[in-house]
Protein backbone atom coordinates (compact mmCIF):
# COMPACT_ATOMS: atom_id res chain seq x y z
CA MET A 1 -4.21 -11.54 -13.99
CA GLY A 2 -1.62 -12.21 -15.85
CA ARG A 3 0.84 -10.87 -13.37
CA LEU A 4 0.13 -13.61 -11.25
CA GLN A 5 2.19 -16.34 -11.14
CA ILE A 6 0.42 -18.98 -8.57
CA LYS A 7 1.96 -22.50 -8.79
CA LYS A 8 -0.40 -23.85 -6.19
CA VAL A 9 -3.47 -23.34 -4.80
CA TRP A 10 -3.78 -24.45 -0.58
CA VAL A 11 -7.41 -24.20 1.00
CA ASP A 12 -7.97 -23.95 4.50
CA ARG A 13 -10.52 -27.45 5.31
CA GLU A 14 -12.94 -24.89 7.36
CA VAL A 15 -13.72 -23.60 4.04
CA GLU A 16 -13.32 -26.27 1.36
CA SER A 17 -17.16 -25.80 0.53
CA ALA A 18 -17.27 -22.13 0.62
CA GLY A 19 -19.20 -20.37 -2.21
CA LEU A 20 -16.09 -17.73 -2.68
CA THR A 21 -13.66 -20.96 -2.26
CA ARG A 22 -15.15 -22.06 -5.30
CA ARG A 23 -15.37 -18.95 -7.27
CA LEU A 24 -11.61 -18.37 -6.39
CA LEU A 25 -10.98 -21.74 -7.37
CA ASP A 26 -13.07 -21.75 -11.00
CA ARG A 27 -10.71 -18.69 -11.80
CA LEU A 28 -7.26 -20.26 -10.42
CA ALA A 29 -8.60 -23.49 -12.87
CA GLY A 30 -5.26 -25.70 -13.63
CA ARG A 31 -3.10 -25.08 -10.86
CA PRO A 32 -2.74 -27.62 -8.08
CA VAL A 33 -4.83 -27.68 -4.91
CA GLU A 34 -4.10 -28.51 -1.49
CA ILE A 35 -6.52 -29.13 1.24
CA VAL A 36 -4.93 -28.42 4.64
CA ASP A 37 -5.83 -28.09 8.08
CA ASN A 38 -4.07 -24.54 8.71
CA VAL A 39 -1.23 -22.23 7.18
CA GLU A 40 1.75 -23.86 9.15
CA THR A 41 1.34 -26.80 6.95
CA VAL A 42 1.96 -24.04 3.74
CA LYS A 43 4.45 -22.37 5.37
CA ARG A 44 6.72 -25.71 5.93
CA ALA A 45 6.38 -26.61 2.39
CA ILE A 46 7.58 -23.15 1.63
CA ARG A 47 10.82 -23.06 4.28
CA LEU A 48 12.03 -25.32 1.88
CA GLN A 49 12.52 -24.19 -0.61
CA SER A 50 15.81 -21.95 -1.52
CA ASP A 51 14.15 -18.37 -1.63
CA PRO A 52 11.34 -18.85 0.84
CA VAL A 53 10.32 -15.19 0.42
CA GLY A 54 9.89 -15.13 -3.41
CA GLU A 55 8.01 -19.15 -2.96
CA SER A 56 5.22 -17.10 -0.45
CA LYS A 57 4.08 -15.27 -3.58
CA LYS A 58 3.64 -18.05 -5.61
CA ASN A 59 1.36 -20.25 -3.53
CA LEU A 60 -1.71 -19.15 -2.67
CA PHE A 61 -3.66 -20.05 0.45
CA ILE A 62 -7.45 -19.61 1.14
CA THR A 63 -8.99 -19.19 4.45
CA THR A 64 -10.56 -17.13 7.31
CA GLN A 65 -9.92 -14.17 9.26
CA LYS A 66 -10.59 -13.70 13.10
CA SER A 67 -10.43 -10.12 12.54
CA PHE A 68 -9.93 -7.33 9.97
CA LEU A 69 -9.66 -4.05 11.22
CA ARG A 70 -7.09 -2.21 13.26
CA PRO A 71 -5.56 0.54 13.71
CA CYS A 72 -2.39 1.42 11.60
CA PRO A 73 0.90 0.32 13.86
CA CYS A 74 2.46 3.78 13.54
CA THR A 75 6.30 3.90 14.40
CA PRO A 76 6.80 4.60 18.02
CA GLY A 77 8.08 8.47 18.31
CA CYS A 78 6.22 9.27 15.11
CA LEU A 79 3.42 11.17 14.31
CA GLY A 80 0.20 9.31 13.83
CA CYS A 81 -2.42 10.50 10.96
CA GLY A 82 -5.21 8.23 12.86
CA TYR A 83 -5.27 5.84 9.72
CA TRP A 84 -6.81 2.35 10.34
CA THR A 85 -6.31 -0.67 8.01
CA ILE A 86 -7.89 -3.65 7.13
CA ASP A 87 -6.13 -6.74 6.90
CA LEU A 88 -8.36 -9.20 4.20
CA ASP A 89 -5.66 -10.26 2.13
CA LEU A 90 -2.05 -10.79 3.33
CA ASN A 91 1.29 -10.90 1.58
CA CYS A 92 2.02 -9.33 -1.95
CA PRO A 93 2.77 -11.29 -5.48
CA PHE A 94 4.91 -8.13 -6.18
CA ASP A 95 8.69 -8.25 -5.03
CA CYS A 96 10.23 -4.94 -4.02
CA SER A 97 13.40 -4.92 -2.82
CA TYR A 98 12.61 -2.23 0.29
CA CYS A 99 9.61 -4.18 1.29
CA ILE A 100 9.46 -4.85 5.10
CA LEU A 101 7.06 -7.74 4.09
CA GLN A 102 9.97 -9.63 3.56
CA ASP A 103 11.02 -9.77 6.92
CA TYR A 104 7.81 -9.31 8.70
CA LEU A 105 5.20 -12.06 7.58
CA ASP A 106 7.66 -15.08 8.43
CA CYS A 107 6.75 -16.78 5.11
CA GLN A 108 3.20 -16.38 4.86
CA PRO A 109 1.87 -17.33 1.32
CA LEU A 110 -0.41 -15.10 -0.50
CA THR A 111 -3.58 -15.16 1.55
CA VAL A 112 -6.88 -14.78 1.23
CA ALA A 113 -9.77 -14.17 3.41
CA VAL A 114 -13.15 -15.87 2.26
CA ASN A 115 -15.28 -14.75 5.15
CA ARG A 116 -15.82 -11.27 4.04
CA GLU A 117 -19.35 -10.82 5.74
CA GLN A 118 -17.17 -10.76 9.21
CA LEU A 119 -15.63 -7.90 7.96
CA GLY A 120 -19.20 -6.61 6.74
CA LEU A 121 -20.18 -7.04 10.46
CA GLU A 122 -17.06 -5.67 12.01
CA LEU A 123 -17.22 -2.23 9.88
CA GLU A 124 -20.85 -2.23 10.38
CA ALA A 125 -20.13 -2.04 14.29
CA PHE A 126 -17.22 0.68 14.01
CA PHE A 127 -18.84 3.02 11.48
CA LYS A 128 -21.76 2.78 14.44
CA GLU A 129 -18.99 3.42 16.95
CA ARG A 130 -17.22 5.84 16.01
CA MET A 131 -19.35 8.75 16.45
CA ALA A 132 -17.34 12.26 14.96
CA GLY A 133 -14.29 12.96 12.66
CA ILE A 134 -13.20 11.83 9.61
CA ILE A 135 -11.69 8.44 9.65
CA ARG A 136 -9.37 6.95 6.89
CA ILE A 137 -8.95 3.17 6.34
CA GLY A 138 -7.16 1.47 4.48
CA THR A 139 -6.01 -2.20 3.08
CA GLY A 140 -2.44 -1.50 1.89
CA GLU A 141 -0.78 -2.19 4.70
CA LEU A 142 -0.09 -6.21 4.89
CA ALA A 143 -1.07 -6.77 1.05
CA ASP A 144 -1.28 -4.82 -2.23
CA SER A 145 -4.71 -3.08 -2.49
CA LEU A 146 -5.77 -4.24 -5.97
CA ALA A 147 -2.71 -6.74 -6.82
CA LEU A 148 -5.17 -9.78 -6.42
CA ASP A 149 -8.23 -7.89 -6.87
CA GLU A 150 -8.90 -9.28 -10.36
CA LEU A 151 -9.07 -12.68 -8.82
CA THR A 152 -10.76 -11.55 -5.62
CA GLU A 153 -12.71 -8.63 -6.41
CA ASN A 154 -12.77 -7.43 -2.88
CA SER A 155 -12.79 -3.64 -4.25
CA SER A 156 -15.97 -4.15 -5.14
CA PHE A 157 -17.41 -5.66 -2.14
CA LEU A 158 -15.39 -2.90 0.13
CA ILE A 159 -17.00 -0.16 -1.67
CA GLU A 160 -20.27 -1.03 -2.09
CA THR A 161 -19.80 -1.41 1.81
CA PHE A 162 -18.41 1.67 2.24
CA ARG A 163 -20.74 3.36 0.22
CA GLY A 164 -22.89 6.15 1.88
CA GLN A 165 -20.32 6.15 4.72
CA ASP A 166 -19.09 9.93 4.76
CA ARG A 167 -16.98 10.02 7.50
CA PHE A 168 -15.39 6.89 6.20
CA TRP A 169 -12.85 7.34 3.31
CA LEU A 170 -11.52 4.17 2.04
CA GLU A 171 -8.43 4.10 0.40
CA LEU A 172 -7.06 1.32 -2.15
CA LYS A 173 -3.46 1.73 -2.67
CA SER A 174 -1.63 0.21 -5.30
CA LYS A 175 1.22 -0.53 -7.56
CA ALA A 176 -0.81 -2.42 -10.17
CA GLY A 177 -2.71 -1.51 -12.82
CA LEU A 178 -6.17 -0.72 -12.76
CA SER A 179 -8.48 -3.71 -11.54
CA PRO A 180 -11.62 -3.86 -14.44
CA ALA A 181 -14.10 -4.19 -12.08
CA LEU A 182 -13.60 -0.49 -10.59
CA LEU A 183 -14.70 0.66 -13.90
CA GLN A 184 -17.63 -1.33 -14.00
CA MET A 185 -19.06 0.54 -10.50
CA VAL A 186 -20.41 3.87 -9.57
CA PRO A 187 -17.89 5.50 -7.92
CA ALA A 188 -18.49 6.89 -4.38
CA ASN A 189 -17.56 9.98 -2.78
CA ASN A 190 -15.57 8.39 0.08
CA VAL A 191 -13.14 6.34 -1.85
CA VAL A 192 -9.51 6.88 -2.90
CA LEU A 193 -7.80 5.16 -5.26
CA SER A 194 -4.22 5.76 -4.65
CA TRP A 195 -0.68 4.75 -6.41
CA SER A 196 2.46 4.55 -4.98
CA LEU A 197 5.26 6.13 -7.21
CA ASN A 198 8.41 5.95 -8.13
CA PRO A 199 11.13 7.09 -11.02
CA ALA A 200 10.46 4.63 -13.68
CA ALA A 201 13.96 3.71 -12.84
CA VAL A 202 13.30 2.85 -9.31
CA ILE A 203 10.52 0.97 -9.95
CA LYS A 204 12.64 -1.07 -12.92
CA SER A 205 15.52 -1.84 -10.38
CA GLU A 206 13.73 -2.39 -7.14
CA GLU A 207 9.57 -2.70 -7.13
CA LYS A 208 9.84 -6.34 -9.81
CA GLY A 209 6.34 -7.25 -11.13
CA THR A 210 4.80 -4.16 -10.39
CA ALA A 211 3.10 -1.81 -13.06
CA GLY A 212 5.61 0.28 -14.62
CA LEU A 213 5.33 4.22 -14.05
CA GLU A 214 3.10 5.30 -16.97
CA GLU A 215 0.76 2.35 -16.61
CA ARG A 216 0.31 3.29 -13.05
CA LEU A 217 -0.31 7.16 -13.79
CA MET A 218 -2.42 5.76 -16.88
CA ALA A 219 -4.50 3.81 -14.58
CA ALA A 220 -4.86 7.11 -12.07
CA THR A 221 -6.17 8.87 -14.85
CA GLU A 222 -8.82 6.53 -15.98
CA ALA A 223 -10.17 6.58 -12.42
CA VAL A 224 -10.55 10.26 -12.79
CA GLY A 225 -11.95 10.10 -15.70
CA HIS A 226 -14.39 7.46 -13.90
CA GLY A 227 -14.95 10.16 -11.56
CA TYR A 228 -12.94 8.47 -8.51
CA ARG A 229 -10.88 10.52 -6.53
CA VAL A 230 -6.95 9.36 -6.35
CA GLY A 231 -4.02 9.82 -4.26
CA PHE A 232 -0.35 9.25 -4.24
CA HIS A 233 2.38 7.45 -2.29
CA PHE A 234 5.99 8.91 -2.46
CA ASP A 235 7.43 6.52 -0.37
CA PRO A 236 10.34 5.16 0.03
CA ILE A 237 11.96 8.53 -1.48
CA LEU A 238 15.09 7.30 -2.46
CA HIS A 239 18.43 9.37 -2.57
CA TYR A 240 20.80 8.73 -5.36
CA PRO A 241 22.49 10.74 -8.17
CA GLY A 242 19.96 12.43 -10.15
CA TRP A 243 17.01 11.67 -8.05
CA HIS A 244 16.10 15.24 -8.13
CA GLN A 245 15.17 15.50 -11.75
CA ASP A 246 13.59 11.50 -11.83
CA TYR A 247 11.61 12.83 -9.00
CA GLU A 248 10.51 16.09 -10.82
CA ARG A 249 9.57 14.38 -14.10
CA VAL A 250 7.32 12.16 -11.85
CA VAL A 251 5.61 15.14 -10.13
CA GLU A 252 5.38 16.66 -13.72
CA SER A 253 4.09 13.49 -15.37
CA ILE A 254 0.79 13.44 -12.29
CA PHE A 255 -0.11 16.90 -13.58
CA ARG A 256 -0.34 16.26 -17.09
CA SER A 257 -3.20 14.64 -17.18
CA ILE A 258 -4.60 14.57 -13.44
CA PRO A 259 -5.85 17.73 -11.87
CA VAL A 260 -5.03 18.60 -8.79
CA GLU A 261 -8.98 19.13 -7.26
CA THR A 262 -9.42 15.38 -8.02
CA ILE A 263 -6.56 14.38 -5.76
CA SER A 264 -7.27 13.71 -2.29
CA TRP A 265 -3.60 13.52 -0.64
CA ILE A 266 0.03 12.52 -1.21
CA SER A 267 2.37 11.28 1.26
CA LEU A 268 6.01 11.42 1.62
CA GLY A 269 7.95 8.79 3.07
CA SER A 270 11.79 7.93 3.18
CA LEU A 271 13.59 5.17 3.08
CA ARG A 272 13.50 3.08 5.98
CA PHE A 273 13.65 -0.55 7.21
CA PRO A 274 14.24 -3.15 10.11
CA PRO A 275 17.77 -4.31 10.91
CA GLY A 276 16.22 -7.78 10.10
CA LEU A 277 15.50 -6.83 6.55
CA LEU A 278 19.02 -5.80 5.53
CA PRO A 279 20.81 -9.18 5.31
CA LEU A 280 17.87 -10.75 3.68
CA ALA A 281 17.29 -7.84 1.15
CA ARG A 282 21.26 -8.11 0.41
CA ARG A 283 20.93 -11.52 -0.31
CA ARG A 284 17.93 -11.39 -2.61
CA PHE A 285 18.69 -8.13 -4.29
CA PRO A 286 22.20 -8.51 -4.52
CA GLY A 287 22.09 -5.65 -7.59
CA SER A 288 20.43 -3.13 -5.50
CA ARG A 289 22.21 0.16 -4.45
CA ILE A 290 19.84 1.46 -2.34
CA PHE A 291 21.51 -0.03 1.05
CA GLU A 292 24.74 1.30 0.62
CA HIS A 293 23.52 5.11 1.49
CA GLU A 294 24.66 6.61 5.00
CA LEU A 295 21.89 5.35 7.30
CA THR A 296 21.25 5.70 10.90
CA ARG A 297 19.62 4.00 13.50
CA SER A 298 16.64 5.75 14.91
CA SER A 299 15.05 5.61 18.41
CA ASP A 300 12.44 3.30 17.13
CA GLY A 301 15.18 0.42 15.98
CA LYS A 302 14.79 1.24 12.57
CA TYR A 303 17.46 2.60 9.59
CA ARG A 304 16.78 5.66 8.30
CA TYR A 305 18.61 8.26 5.78
CA PRO A 306 20.10 11.26 8.73
CA ARG A 307 17.33 13.69 9.55
CA PRO A 308 18.71 16.53 7.65
CA LEU A 309 19.11 14.48 4.42
CA ARG A 310 14.94 13.44 5.00
CA GLN A 311 14.11 17.27 5.99
CA TRP A 312 15.96 18.19 2.52
CA LEU A 313 14.48 15.66 0.70
CA TYR A 314 10.58 16.14 1.88
CA LYS A 315 11.78 19.96 1.05
CA GLN A 316 12.59 19.45 -2.28
CA LEU A 317 9.64 17.56 -2.95
CA ALA A 318 7.22 19.65 -1.37
CA GLY A 319 8.37 22.42 -3.77
CA MET A 320 8.00 20.26 -6.79
CA PHE A 321 4.31 20.04 -5.33
CA ILE A 322 4.06 23.70 -4.96
CA GLU A 323 4.05 24.52 -8.14
CA PHE A 324 1.07 22.64 -9.24
CA GLY A 325 -0.92 24.07 -6.24
CA ALA A 326 -0.83 20.42 -4.47
CA GLU A 327 0.85 22.03 -1.26
CA ASP A 328 -2.30 21.56 1.10
CA ARG A 329 -2.67 17.59 0.14
CA LEU A 330 0.55 17.23 1.54
CA TYR A 331 1.33 14.47 4.00
CA LEU A 332 4.46 12.81 5.90
CA CYS A 333 4.04 9.06 6.62
CA MET A 334 6.66 7.52 10.32
CA GLU A 335 8.44 10.97 10.75
CA SER A 336 7.94 12.59 13.97
CA VAL A 337 6.70 15.91 15.48
CA GLU A 338 9.93 18.03 15.12
CA VAL A 339 9.81 16.81 11.54
CA TRP A 340 7.14 17.39 10.74
CA ARG A 341 6.95 20.80 12.33
CA GLU A 342 9.84 21.97 9.90
CA PHE A 343 7.89 20.35 7.04
CA LYS A 344 4.92 22.41 7.87
CA GLU A 345 7.12 25.58 8.26
CA LYS A 346 8.53 25.36 4.81
CA ILE A 347 5.39 24.44 2.93
CA LYS A 348 3.76 28.05 4.51
CA ARG A 349 0.50 26.27 4.38
CA GLY A 350 -0.71 28.07 7.58
CA ARG A 351 -2.70 25.90 10.53
CA ARG A 352 -3.39 22.45 10.05
CA LYS A 353 -4.27 19.80 12.08
CA LEU A 354 -0.98 17.16 12.34
CA THR A 355 -3.13 14.04 12.52
CA PHE A 356 -4.99 14.78 9.36
CA PRO A 357 -3.99 18.05 7.45
CA PHE A 358 -5.77 18.02 4.81
CA PRO A 359 -8.06 21.47 3.68
CA TRP A 360 -11.68 19.85 3.44
CA GLN A 361 -11.42 18.42 6.98
CA CYS A 362 -10.02 21.30 8.77
């Protein structure tokens, strides 16, 4: 928990005596603790600070969730991949300049739900209801999957819940190192540990508090050595002078230590964000230049690189992966059918299902 900078712990009165609450408080010994009736009390305290977004990442709220499982909210007009998300934690202790959670979560503190038995029941029902096909489910939509794992050990709970459910693939996606708990478990065949990657210079300038590139790649290497399958996410891809050489070095670094057959998927997605993020990010990250590029307002209201640039970026990245025989692991995140079709033609992967384009599923 070396990267965690928790200033204060807030506990929902309803879970004050829960066993997991007590274990969490023991692990956070020394921090001030306050019992509250609801999250609004915490949000009011956060809003009074000069940097509410930054402050939200230093306050931990222990509570319950009414429900956990939902379809991934794919951008309207984009081709979905059938992904589902588990919202077990909310918010992230890392501070990336481009992260839309800064705008989306409205001063939500780092939030940990302790009613994991409810999640277990939801998943049990979900496994029974979905009778056909392979479904991917992940926890990395509204939180980093592993950033709080040394505290919560949620990964252990989830892996055991998914073990043996072969049609349901659990993805734990992160910009952190490898949680020790994961190396103490027997890997499950349907669990993928994945890392978001960017060049080292981008990580240093735009992804504050995260593990460095070498640490992430070392974590992935350790995971493979322990028997896990892994995935990688190049999202957001950033365009800047020298970007091609930087990303090429990242791709080459992956395959120096990780066999292609252990990689389940690799996603590509370019910079995109809602209008509300722009003034917020410029204020919080005055040294960042990633928002100064030419951007267009797309039909979903988000700012993106112009379509020709996005297609060119994907083509260039795909070429790097083709050199290592990983073209059938690639898919696009939050892109239109038109962009998808051109991408498929460029990498010449043959006939694949657009919604889940991996060879072991087709």
